[in-house]
C-alpha atoms as a PDB file:
ATOM      1  CA  UNK A   1      33.131  60.695 -19.378  1.00  0.00           C
ATOM      2  CA  UNK A   2      35.432  60.568 -16.374  1.00  0.00           C
ATOM      3  CA  UNK A   3      32.897  62.399 -14.233  1.00  0.00           C
ATOM      4  CA  UNK A   4      30.120  60.097 -15.433  1.00  0.00           C
ATOM      5  CA  UNK A   5      32.216  57.005 -14.693  1.00  0.00           C
ATOM      6  CA  UNK A   6      33.018  58.316 -11.238  1.00  0.00           C
ATOM      7  CA  UNK A   7      29.366  59.039 -10.508  1.00  0.00           C
ATOM      8  CA  UNK A   8      28.335  55.563 -11.660  1.00  0.00           C
ATOM      9  CA  UNK A   9      30.996  54.005  -9.491  1.00  0.00           C
ATOM     10  CA  UNK A  10      29.970  55.992  -6.439  1.00  0.00           C
ATOM     11  CA  UNK A  11      26.281  55.293  -7.069  1.00  0.00           C
ATOM     12  CA  UNK A  12      26.935  51.579  -7.492  1.00  0.00           C
ATOM     13  CA  UNK A  13      28.919  51.478  -4.234  1.00  0.00           C
ATOM     14  CA  UNK A  14      26.208  53.399  -2.378  1.00  0.00           C
ATOM     15  CA  UNK A  15      23.498  51.212  -3.866  1.00  0.00           C
ATOM     16  CA  UNK A  16      25.331  48.071  -2.880  1.00  0.00           C
ATOM     17  CA  UNK A  17      25.750  49.344   0.664  1.00  0.00           C
ATOM     18  CA  UNK A  18      22.084  50.269   0.864  1.00  0.00           C
ATOM     19  CA  UNK A  19      21.058  46.881  -0.516  1.00  0.00           C
ATOM     20  CA  UNK A  20      23.253  45.112   2.042  1.00  0.00           C
ATOM     21  CA  UNK A  21      21.723  47.159   4.854  1.00  0.00           C
ATOM     22  CA  UNK A  22      18.212  46.558   3.558  1.00  0.00           C
ATOM     23  CA  UNK A  23      18.941  42.851   3.243  1.00  0.00           C
ATOM     24  CA  UNK A  24      20.226  42.640   6.787  1.00  0.00           C
ATOM     25  CA  UNK A  25      17.320  44.660   8.116  1.00  0.00           C
ATOM     26  CA  UNK A  26      14.881  42.521   6.119  1.00  0.00           C
ATOM     27  CA  UNK A  27      16.423  39.294   7.315  1.00  0.00           C
ATOM     28  CA  UNK A  28      16.508  40.485  10.905  1.00  0.00           C
ATOM     29  CA  UNK A  29      12.975  41.850  10.799  1.00  0.00           C
ATOM     30  CA  UNK A  30      11.733  38.739   9.060  1.00  0.00           C
ATOM     31  CA  UNK A  31      13.415  36.541  11.665  1.00  0.00           C
ATOM     32  CA  UNK A  32      11.850  38.501  14.521  1.00  0.00           C
ATOM     33  CA  UNK A  33       8.452  38.629  12.830  1.00  0.00           C
ATOM     34  CA  UNK A  34       8.558  34.912  12.010  1.00  0.00           C
ATOM     35  CA  UNK A  35       9.558  34.159  15.582  1.00  0.00           C
ATOM     36  CA  UNK A  36       6.651  36.140  16.962  1.00  0.00           C
ATOM     37  CA  UNK A  37       4.267  34.581  14.452  1.00  0.00           C
ATOM     38  CA  UNK A  38       5.463  31.033  15.079  1.00  0.00           C
ATOM     39  CA  UNK A  39       5.738  31.308  18.876  1.00  0.00           C
ATOM     40  CA  UNK A  40       2.036  30.396  19.398  1.00  0.00           C
ATOM     41  CA  UNK A  41       2.450  27.406  17.092  1.00  0.00           C
ATOM     42  CA  UNK A  42       5.473  26.330  19.116  1.00  0.00           C
ATOM     43  CA  UNK A  43       3.447  26.466  22.343  1.00  0.00           C
ATOM     44  CA  UNK A  44       0.630  24.508  20.730  1.00  0.00           C
ATOM     45  CA  UNK A  45       3.121  21.948  19.408  1.00  0.00           C
ATOM     46  CA  UNK A  46       4.680  21.547  22.861  1.00  0.00           C
ATOM     47  CA  UNK A  47       1.256  21.062  24.435  1.00  0.00           C
ATOM     48  CA  UNK A  48       0.379  18.481  21.788  1.00  0.00           C
ATOM     49  CA  UNK A  49       3.616  16.613  22.451  1.00  0.00           C
ATOM     50  CA  UNK A  50       2.919  16.591  26.206  1.00  0.00           C
ATOM     51  CA  UNK A  51      -0.621  15.313  25.618  1.00  0.00           C
ATOM     52  CA  UNK A  52       0.758  12.580  23.372  1.00  0.00           C
ATOM     53  CA  UNK A  53       3.050  11.503  26.221  1.00  0.00           C
ATOM     54  CA  UNK A  54       0.058  11.223  28.557  1.00  0.00           C
ATOM     55  CA  UNK A  55       0.072  14.615  30.314  1.00  0.00           C
ATOM     56  CA  UNK A  56      -3.432  16.024  29.893  1.00  0.00           C
ATOM     57  CA  UNK A  57      -3.285  18.567  32.720  1.00  0.00           C
ATOM     58  CA  UNK A  58      -1.138  21.050  30.771  1.00  0.00           C
ATOM     59  CA  UNK A  59      -2.913  24.082  29.253  1.00  0.00           C
ATOM     60  CA  UNK A  60      -1.619  26.550  26.635  1.00  0.00           C
ATOM     61  CA  UNK A  61      -3.516  29.627  27.882  1.00  0.00           C
ATOM     62  CA  UNK A  62      -2.171  31.760  25.044  1.00  0.00           C
ATOM     63  CA  UNK A  63      -2.133  35.475  25.965  1.00  0.00           C
ATOM     64  CA  UNK A  64      -2.675  38.384  23.633  1.00  0.00           C
ATOM     65  CA  UNK A  65      -5.404  39.606  21.375  1.00  0.00           C
ATOM     66  CA  UNK A  66      -8.212  37.425  20.083  1.00  0.00           C
ATOM     67  CA  UNK A  67      -6.924  36.122  16.763  1.00  0.00           C
ATOM     68  CA  UNK A  68      -6.798  32.803  14.917  1.00  0.00           C
ATOM     69  CA  UNK A  69      -3.938  31.482  17.073  1.00  0.00           C
ATOM     70  CA  UNK A  70      -5.727  32.465  20.291  1.00  0.00           C
ATOM     71  CA  UNK A  71      -8.923  30.775  19.089  1.00  0.00           C
ATOM     72  CA  UNK A  72      -7.006  27.616  18.158  1.00  0.00           C
ATOM     73  CA  UNK A  73      -5.332  27.641  21.572  1.00  0.00           C
ATOM     74  CA  UNK A  74      -8.638  28.010  23.434  1.00  0.00           C
ATOM     75  CA  UNK A  75     -10.215  25.189  21.437  1.00  0.00           C
ATOM     76  CA  UNK A  76      -7.221  22.956  22.124  1.00  0.00           C
ATOM     77  CA  UNK A  77      -7.359  23.747  25.859  1.00  0.00           C
ATOM     78  CA  UNK A  78     -11.058  22.868  25.901  1.00  0.00           C
ATOM     79  CA  UNK A  79     -10.333  19.575  24.154  1.00  0.00           C
ATOM     80  CA  UNK A  80      -7.599  18.743  26.676  1.00  0.00           C
ATOM     81  CA  UNK A  81      -9.938  19.525  29.556  1.00  0.00           C
ATOM     82  CA  UNK A  82     -12.651  17.227  28.187  1.00  0.00           C
ATOM     83  CA  UNK A  83     -10.116  14.475  27.531  1.00  0.00           C
ATOM     84  CA  UNK A  84      -8.737  14.775  31.065  1.00  0.00           C
ATOM     85  CA  UNK A  85     -12.222  14.489  32.562  1.00  0.00           C
ATOM     86  CA  UNK A  86     -13.082  11.539  30.319  1.00  0.00           C
ATOM     87  CA  UNK A  87      -9.870   9.669  31.127  1.00  0.00           C
ATOM     88  CA  UNK A  88     -10.373  10.280  34.850  1.00  0.00           C
ATOM     89  CA  UNK A  89     -13.921   8.930  34.612  1.00  0.00           C
ATOM     90  CA  UNK A  90     -12.726   5.861  32.719  1.00  0.00           C
ATOM     91  CA  UNK A  91     -10.013   5.149  35.278  1.00  0.00           C
ATOM     92  CA  UNK A  92     -12.451   5.558  38.156  1.00  0.00           C
ATOM     93  CA  UNK A  93     -14.960   3.331  36.401  1.00  0.00           C
ATOM     94  CA  UNK A  94     -12.327   0.643  35.749  1.00  0.00           C
ATOM     95  CA  UNK A  95     -11.233   0.722  39.402  1.00  0.00           C
ATOM     96  CA  UNK A  96     -14.829   0.485  40.632  1.00  0.00           C
ATOM     97  CA  UNK A  97     -15.665  -2.295  38.167  1.00  0.00           C
ATOM     98  CA  UNK A  98     -12.607  -4.270  39.272  1.00  0.00           C
ATOM     99  CA  UNK A  99     -13.649  -3.890  42.893  1.00  0.00           C
ATOM    100  CA  UNK A 100     -17.250  -4.901  42.178  1.00  0.00           C
ATOM    101  CA  UNK A 101     -16.162  -7.951  40.182  1.00  0.00           C
ATOM    102  CA  UNK A 102     -13.614  -8.996  42.795  1.00  0.00           C
ATOM    103  CA  UNK A 103     -16.206  -9.040  45.582  1.00  0.00           C
ATOM    104  CA  UNK A 104     -18.379 -11.943  44.298  1.00  0.00           C
ATOM    105  CA  UNK A 105     -15.259 -13.905  43.357  1.00  0.00           C
ATOM    106  CA  UNK A 106     -13.859 -13.478  46.866  1.00  0.00           C
ATOM    107  CA  UNK A 107     -17.167 -14.566  48.391  1.00  0.00           C
ATOM    108  CA  UNK A 108     -17.304 -17.630  46.126  1.00  0.00           C
ATOM    109  CA  UNK A 109     -13.757 -18.567  47.090  1.00  0.00           C
ATOM    110  CA  UNK A 110     -14.609 -18.253  50.803  1.00  0.00           C
ATOM    111  CA  UNK A 111     -17.711 -20.434  50.400  1.00  0.00           C
ATOM    112  CA  UNK A 112     -15.736 -23.074  48.523  1.00  0.00           C
ATOM    113  CA  UNK A 113     -12.997 -23.030  51.168  1.00  0.00           C
ATOM    114  CA  UNK A 114     -15.616 -23.570  53.872  1.00  0.00           C
ATOM    115  CA  UNK A 115     -17.148 -26.476  51.966  1.00  0.00           C
ATOM    116  CA  UNK A 116     -13.727 -28.060  51.430  1.00  0.00           C
ATOM    117  CA  UNK A 117     -12.464 -27.710  54.998  1.00  0.00           C
ATOM    118  CA  UNK A 118     -15.775 -28.592  56.669  1.00  0.00           C
ATOM    119  CA  UNK A 119     -17.278 -31.657  54.954  1.00  0.00           C
ATOM    120  CA  UNK A 120     -20.118 -31.758  57.479  1.00  0.00           C
ATOM    121  CA  UNK A 121     -21.288 -28.271  56.511  1.00  0.00           C
ATOM    122  CA  UNK A 122     -24.689 -28.149  54.803  1.00  0.00           C
ATOM    123  CA  UNK A 123     -23.965 -28.548  51.086  1.00  0.00           C
ATOM    124  CA  UNK A 124     -27.373 -27.230  50.069  1.00  0.00           C
ATOM    125  CA  UNK A 125     -26.803 -23.946  51.889  1.00  0.00           C
ATOM    126  CA  UNK A 126     -23.404 -23.469  50.246  1.00  0.00           C
ATOM    127  CA  UNK A 127     -24.822 -24.198  46.808  1.00  0.00           C
ATOM    128  CA  UNK A 128     -27.675 -21.741  47.335  1.00  0.00           C
ATOM    129  CA  UNK A 129     -25.330 -18.974  48.425  1.00  0.00           C
ATOM    130  CA  UNK A 130     -22.980 -19.716  45.521  1.00  0.00           C
ATOM    131  CA  UNK A 131     -25.929 -19.495  43.149  1.00  0.00           C
ATOM    132  CA  UNK A 132     -26.884 -16.080  44.550  1.00  0.00           C
ATOM    133  CA  UNK A 133     -23.342 -14.749  44.309  1.00  0.00           C
ATOM    134  CA  UNK A 134     -22.872 -16.140  40.806  1.00  0.00           C
ATOM    135  CA  UNK A 135     -26.157 -14.587  39.650  1.00  0.00           C
ATOM    136  CA  UNK A 136     -25.045 -11.211  40.950  1.00  0.00           C
ATOM    137  CA  UNK A 137     -21.714 -11.505  39.116  1.00  0.00           C
ATOM    138  CA  UNK A 138     -23.512 -12.386  35.874  1.00  0.00           C
ATOM    139  CA  UNK A 139     -25.883  -9.424  36.295  1.00  0.00           C
ATOM    140  CA  UNK A 140     -22.932  -7.124  36.830  1.00  0.00           C
ATOM    141  CA  UNK A 141     -21.086  -8.389  33.743  1.00  0.00           C
ATOM    142  CA  UNK A 142     -24.225  -8.052  31.602  1.00  0.00           C
ATOM    143  CA  UNK A 143     -24.706  -4.509  32.886  1.00  0.00           C
ATOM    144  CA  UNK A 144     -21.101  -3.649  32.018  1.00  0.00           C
ATOM    145  CA  UNK A 145     -21.531  -5.064  28.508  1.00  0.00           C
ATOM    146  CA  UNK A 146     -24.760  -3.108  28.044  1.00  0.00           C
ATOM    147  CA  UNK A 147     -23.033   0.063  29.239  1.00  0.00           C
ATOM    148  CA  UNK A 148     -20.182  -0.480  26.785  1.00  0.00           C
ATOM    149  CA  UNK A 149     -22.563  -1.190  23.906  1.00  0.00           C
ATOM    150  CA  UNK A 150     -24.580   1.968  24.537  1.00  0.00           C
ATOM    151  CA  UNK A 151     -21.445   4.077  24.990  1.00  0.00           C
ATOM    152  CA  UNK A 152     -20.065   2.947  21.619  1.00  0.00           C
ATOM    153  CA  UNK A 153     -23.435   3.604  19.881  1.00  0.00           C
ATOM    154  CA  UNK A 154     -23.134   0.252  18.125  1.00  0.00           C
ATOM    155  CA  UNK A 155     -26.844  -0.279  17.634  1.00  0.00           C
ATOM    156  CA  UNK A 156     -29.402  -0.100  14.840  1.00  0.00           C
ATOM    157  CA  UNK A 157     -31.787   2.847  14.925  1.00  0.00           C
ATOM    158  CA  UNK A 158     -35.486   2.329  14.283  1.00  0.00           C
ATOM    159  CA  UNK A 159     -38.797   4.030  15.009  1.00  0.00           C
ATOM    160  CA  UNK A 160     -39.750   3.644  18.674  1.00  0.00           C
ATOM    161  CA  UNK A 161     -42.795   4.736  20.688  1.00  0.00           C
ATOM    162  CA  UNK A 162     -41.786   5.512  24.282  1.00  0.00           C
ATOM    163  CA  UNK A 163     -45.383   5.172  25.498  1.00  0.00           C
ATOM    164  CA  UNK A 164     -45.439   1.513  24.404  1.00  0.00           C
ATOM    165  CA  UNK A 165     -42.116   0.906  26.136  1.00  0.00           C
ATOM    166  CA  UNK A 166     -43.524   2.467  29.294  1.00  0.00           C
ATOM    167  CA  UNK A 167     -46.491   0.092  29.183  1.00  0.00           C
ATOM    168  CA  UNK A 168     -44.203  -2.911  28.639  1.00  0.00           C
ATOM    169  CA  UNK A 169     -41.917  -1.888  31.503  1.00  0.00           C
ATOM    170  CA  UNK A 170     -44.948  -1.429  33.780  1.00  0.00           C
ATOM    171  CA  UNK A 171     -46.273  -4.898  32.972  1.00  0.00           C
ATOM    172  CA  UNK A 172     -42.831  -6.409  33.577  1.00  0.00           C
ATOM    173  CA  UNK A 173     -42.279  -4.744  36.958  1.00  0.00           C
ATOM    174  CA  UNK A 174     -45.846  -4.856  38.254  1.00  0.00           C
ATOM    175  CA  UNK A 175     -45.153  -7.983  40.391  1.00  0.00           C
ATOM    176  CA  UNK A 176     -42.192  -6.202  42.023  1.00  0.00           C
ATOM    177  CA  UNK A 177     -44.340  -3.139  42.710  1.00  0.00           C
ATOM    178  CA  UNK A 178     -47.136  -5.251  44.205  1.00  0.00           C
ATOM    179  CA  UNK A 179     -44.655  -7.112  46.379  1.00  0.00           C
ATOM    180  CA  UNK A 180     -43.402  -3.812  47.811  1.00  0.00           C
ATOM    181  CA  UNK A 181     -46.812  -2.193  48.072  1.00  0.00           C
ATOM    182  CA  UNK A 182     -45.997   0.475  45.479  1.00  0.00           C
ATOM    183  CA  UNK A 183     -48.653   1.870  43.144  1.00  0.00           C
ATOM    184  CA  UNK A 184     -47.723   2.654  39.518  1.00  0.00           C
ATOM    185  CA  UNK A 185     -49.697   5.358  37.714  1.00  0.00           C
ATOM    186  CA  UNK A 186     -49.054   5.739  33.972  1.00  0.00           C
ATOM    187  CA  UNK A 187     -50.287   8.442  31.606  1.00  0.00           C
ATOM    188  CA  UNK A 188     -49.268  10.233  28.454  1.00  0.00           C
ATOM    189  CA  UNK A 189     -49.400  10.390  24.691  1.00  0.00           C
ATOM    190  CA  UNK A 190     -47.789   8.576  21.800  1.00  0.00           C
ATOM    191  CA  UNK A 191     -44.140   9.630  21.849  1.00  0.00           C
ATOM    192  CA  UNK A 192     -42.351   8.697  18.594  1.00  0.00           C
ATOM    193  CA  UNK A 193     -38.568   8.821  18.456  1.00  0.00           C
ATOM    194  CA  UNK A 194     -35.726   6.997  16.706  1.00  0.00           C
ATOM    195  CA  UNK A 195     -33.255   4.691  18.411  1.00  0.00           C
ATOM    196  CA  UNK A 196     -32.652   1.194  19.689  1.00  0.00           C
ATOM    197  CA  UNK A 197     -35.864  -0.328  20.997  1.00  0.00           C
ATOM    198  CA  UNK A 198     -33.928  -2.764  23.219  1.00  0.00           C
ATOM    199  CA  UNK A 199     -31.781  -0.042  24.776  1.00  0.00           C
ATOM    200  CA  UNK A 200     -34.671   2.381  25.275  1.00  0.00           C
ATOM    201  CA  UNK A 201     -36.702  -0.405  26.870  1.00  0.00           C
ATOM    202  CA  UNK A 202     -33.778  -1.088  29.199  1.00  0.00           C
ATOM    203  CA  UNK A 203     -33.668   2.630  30.011  1.00  0.00           C
ATOM    204  CA  UNK A 204     -37.371   2.641  30.882  1.00  0.00           C
ATOM    205  CA  UNK A 205     -37.140  -0.541  32.945  1.00  0.00           C
ATOM    206  CA  UNK A 206     -34.150   0.810  34.890  1.00  0.00           C
ATOM    207  CA  UNK A 207     -35.945   4.059  35.675  1.00  0.00           C
ATOM    208  CA  UNK A 208     -39.118   2.319  36.780  1.00  0.00           C
ATOM    209  CA  UNK A 209     -37.269  -0.313  38.818  1.00  0.00           C
ATOM    210  CA  UNK A 210     -35.218   2.383  40.530  1.00  0.00           C
ATOM    211  CA  UNK A 211     -38.411   4.296  41.356  1.00  0.00           C
ATOM    212  CA  UNK A 212     -40.042   1.180  42.823  1.00  0.00           C
ATOM    213  CA  UNK A 213     -37.090  -0.016  44.879  1.00  0.00           C
ATOM    214  CA  UNK A 214     -36.150   3.378  46.346  1.00  0.00           C
ATOM    215  CA  UNK A 215     -39.616   4.258  47.577  1.00  0.00           C
ATOM    216  CA  UNK A 216     -41.752   4.308  50.701  1.00  0.00           C
ATOM    217  CA  UNK A 217     -42.343   0.647  51.690  1.00  0.00           C
ATOM    218  CA  UNK A 218     -45.989  -0.353  51.632  1.00  0.00           C
ATOM    219  CA  UNK A 219     -47.351   3.056  50.679  1.00  0.00           C
ATOM    220  CA  UNK A 220     -45.255   4.367  47.815  1.00  0.00           C
ATOM    221  CA  UNK A 221     -46.326   5.685  44.426  1.00  0.00           C
ATOM    222  CA  UNK A 222     -44.626   5.932  41.058  1.00  0.00           C
ATOM    223  CA  UNK A 223     -45.819   8.253  38.309  1.00  0.00           C
ATOM    224  CA  UNK A 224     -44.771   7.453  34.747  1.00  0.00           C
ATOM    225  CA  UNK A 225     -45.638   9.939  32.013  1.00  0.00           C
ATOM    226  CA  UNK A 226     -44.832  10.412  28.325  1.00  0.00           C
ATOM    227  CA  UNK A 227     -45.494  13.567  26.318  1.00  0.00           C
ATOM    228  CA  UNK A 228     -44.559  15.267  23.057  1.00  0.00           C
ATOM    229  CA  UNK A 229     -42.944  18.702  22.879  1.00  0.00           C
ATOM    230  CA  UNK A 230     -42.191  20.758  19.749  1.00  0.00           C
ATOM    231  CA  UNK A 231     -38.731  19.256  19.237  1.00  0.00           C
ATOM    232  CA  UNK A 232     -38.501  16.427  21.766  1.00  0.00           C
ATOM    233  CA  UNK A 233     -40.373  13.538  23.315  1.00  0.00           C
ATOM    234  CA  UNK A 234     -40.244  13.365  27.097  1.00  0.00           C
ATOM    235  CA  UNK A 235     -40.356  10.411  29.477  1.00  0.00           C
ATOM    236  CA  UNK A 236     -40.810  11.365  33.141  1.00  0.00           C
ATOM    237  CA  UNK A 237     -40.628   9.021  36.128  1.00  0.00           C
ATOM    238  CA  UNK A 238     -41.393  10.330  39.626  1.00  0.00           C
ATOM    239  CA  UNK A 239     -41.656   8.529  42.935  1.00  0.00           C
ATOM    240  CA  UNK A 240     -42.332   9.131  46.575  1.00  0.00           C
ATOM    241  CA  UNK A 241     -39.637   8.567  49.159  1.00  0.00           C
ATOM    242  CA  UNK A 242     -37.343  10.289  51.586  1.00  0.00           C
ATOM    243  CA  UNK A 243     -36.167  13.808  50.868  1.00  0.00           C
ATOM    244  CA  UNK A 244     -32.946  13.893  48.864  1.00  0.00           C
ATOM    245  CA  UNK A 245     -30.346  16.636  48.709  1.00  0.00           C
ATOM    246  CA  UNK A 246     -29.319  18.106  45.351  1.00  0.00           C
ATOM    247  CA  UNK A 247     -25.715  17.058  46.113  1.00  0.00           C
ATOM    248  CA  UNK A 248     -26.727  13.404  46.472  1.00  0.00           C
ATOM    249  CA  UNK A 249     -28.956  13.484  43.380  1.00  0.00           C
ATOM    250  CA  UNK A 250     -26.094  14.866  41.272  1.00  0.00           C
ATOM    251  CA  UNK A 251     -24.019  11.720  41.992  1.00  0.00           C
ATOM    252  CA  UNK A 252     -26.661   9.075  41.300  1.00  0.00           C
ATOM    253  CA  UNK A 253     -25.796   8.685  37.601  1.00  0.00           C
ATOM    254  CA  UNK A 254     -22.170   7.870  38.370  1.00  0.00           C
ATOM    255  CA  UNK A 255     -21.280   4.161  38.101  1.00  0.00           C
ATOM    256  CA  UNK A 256     -21.656   2.144  41.311  1.00  0.00           C
ATOM    257  CA  UNK A 257     -23.304   5.030  43.182  1.00  0.00           C
ATOM    258  CA  UNK A 258     -26.275   3.500  44.991  1.00  0.00           C
ATOM    259  CA  UNK A 259     -27.428   6.475  47.028  1.00  0.00           C
ATOM    260  CA  UNK A 260     -26.512   5.088  50.437  1.00  0.00           C
ATOM    261  CA  UNK A 261     -28.347   7.878  52.239  1.00  0.00           C
ATOM    262  CA  UNK A 262     -31.637   6.671  50.838  1.00  0.00           C
ATOM    263  CA  UNK A 263     -33.916   4.007  52.269  1.00  0.00           C
ATOM    264  CA  UNK A 264     -32.046   0.757  52.835  1.00  0.00           C
ATOM    265  CA  UNK A 265     -33.796  -2.193  51.223  1.00  0.00           C
ATOM    266  CA  UNK A 266     -33.158  -5.855  50.649  1.00  0.00           C
ATOM    267  CA  UNK A 267     -32.704  -5.203  46.947  1.00  0.00           C
ATOM    268  CA  UNK A 268     -29.078  -5.639  45.884  1.00  0.00           C
ATOM    269  CA  UNK A 269     -28.554  -3.804  42.632  1.00  0.00           C
ATOM    270  CA  UNK A 270     -25.243  -3.676  40.802  1.00  0.00           C
ATOM    271  CA  UNK A 271     -24.975   0.122  41.011  1.00  0.00           C
ATOM    272  CA  UNK A 272     -25.196   0.723  37.264  1.00  0.00           C
ATOM    273  CA  UNK A 273     -28.918   1.332  36.760  1.00  0.00           C
ATOM    274  CA  UNK A 274     -28.897   5.116  36.386  1.00  0.00           C
ATOM    275  CA  UNK A 275     -25.404   5.092  34.862  1.00  0.00           C
ATOM    276  CA  UNK A 276     -26.825   2.931  32.068  1.00  0.00           C
ATOM    277  CA  UNK A 277     -29.797   5.288  31.748  1.00  0.00           C
ATOM    278  CA  UNK A 278     -27.421   8.247  31.340  1.00  0.00           C
ATOM    279  CA  UNK A 279     -25.273   6.465  28.742  1.00  0.00           C
ATOM    280  CA  UNK A 280     -28.285   5.299  26.710  1.00  0.00           C
ATOM    281  CA  UNK A 281     -29.767   8.808  26.798  1.00  0.00           C
ATOM    282  CA  UNK A 282     -26.539  10.406  25.583  1.00  0.00           C
ATOM    283  CA  UNK A 283     -26.132   7.729  22.888  1.00  0.00           C
ATOM    284  CA  UNK A 284     -29.551   8.791  21.549  1.00  0.00           C
ATOM    285  CA  UNK A 285     -28.583  12.498  21.599  1.00  0.00           C
ATOM    286  CA  UNK A 286     -30.935  13.091  24.507  1.00  0.00           C
ATOM    287  CA  UNK A 287     -30.866  14.875  27.838  1.00  0.00           C
ATOM    288  CA  UNK A 288     -31.234  13.363  31.321  1.00  0.00           C
ATOM    289  CA  UNK A 289     -32.374  15.508  34.256  1.00  0.00           C
ATOM    290  CA  UNK A 290     -32.634  14.436  37.913  1.00  0.00           C
ATOM    291  CA  UNK A 291     -34.484  16.685  40.343  1.00  0.00           C
ATOM    292  CA  UNK A 292     -35.314  15.998  44.006  1.00  0.00           C
ATOM    293  CA  UNK A 293     -39.020  16.420  44.826  1.00  0.00           C
ATOM    294  CA  UNK A 294     -39.854  18.827  47.632  1.00  0.00           C
ATOM    295  CA  UNK A 295     -42.222  16.268  49.170  1.00  0.00           C
ATOM    296  CA  UNK A 296     -39.624  13.500  48.963  1.00  0.00           C
ATOM    297  CA  UNK A 297     -38.460  11.178  46.218  1.00  0.00           C
ATOM    298  CA  UNK A 298     -37.057  12.150  42.849  1.00  0.00           C
ATOM    299  CA  UNK A 299     -38.189  13.246  39.395  1.00  0.00           C
ATOM    300  CA  UNK A 300     -36.194  11.879  36.439  1.00  0.00           C
ATOM    301  CA  UNK A 301     -36.786  13.276  32.961  1.00  0.00           C
ATOM    302  CA  UNK A 302     -35.465  11.876  29.682  1.00  0.00           C
ATOM    303  CA  UNK A 303     -35.714  14.088  26.590  1.00  0.00           C
ATOM    304  CA  UNK A 304     -35.108  12.529  23.181  1.00  0.00           C
ATOM    305  CA  UNK A 305     -35.411  13.945  19.645  1.00  0.00           C
ATOM    306  CA  UNK A 306     -38.900  13.656  18.193  1.00  0.00           C
ATOM    307  CA  UNK A 307     -39.378  11.890  14.861  1.00  0.00           C
ATOM    308  CA  UNK A 308     -39.213  14.415  12.001  1.00  0.00           C
ATOM    309  CA  UNK A 309     -42.210  12.855  10.267  1.00  0.00           C
ATOM    310  CA  UNK A 310     -44.267  13.467  13.384  1.00  0.00           C
ATOM    311  CA  UNK A 311     -43.363  17.154  13.285  1.00  0.00           C
END
């Protein structure tokens, strides 16, 4: 019995020591393992906190093998990159819009100051110039509102035929084309899609007006075509004109970019025509493509989803 009691005592002491060692090793290993497992989450949390405070330039760039944490990190970095680009575009747009809106107000103030300080100045001339400046300011504000409405996709979707919109836009702008000596040639098929008829008409009018204004004076041509593809309907507007570089063409859809290297005309647009076209196209889940023509001018293509019933 004494030997048995001694053995049990020694075994219990050894077991307790082993358990203590195992517990310490387990706790230490668990702490290290948890730290290594949670380190990526800590980096992601820090990046999220920095983004919340307004710093969108920071990237996680998590090293290591391709696992769930690495995939989450890459997705988060991509989201931050898109947000940074979007915020930069919005800030640039706001600065440009402020500048464009300030210009007509400054001109109006100068005209009013002239009329006040020089009573003998021709009142009719001042009123006419004020009317022109005020009209331009109204056009700019309406364009900004249209851009905001399209960007927010706050519109009712309905069945639309792009070929009918092309005909309506042609009839509307035919006097402008005749005044500038530009010929409009239309062709194509019925092109059914779904979207806002008002916005898509505005898109078509902007494209056609841009093609007429930025053209060869007195001898220009505009080609307007609609066609149906297996999964999309396509509206194409081409025009003659001076040769354009791909670098210049790539900037024409940015707000307030008027293509200053192109032919100078007496037409004073607000610089939002193609920017509105791009926003309306994206709001309808479409694709906008601008390509310079080798002979001069530009080809603009709008691809929109075709109506499922038509398929």
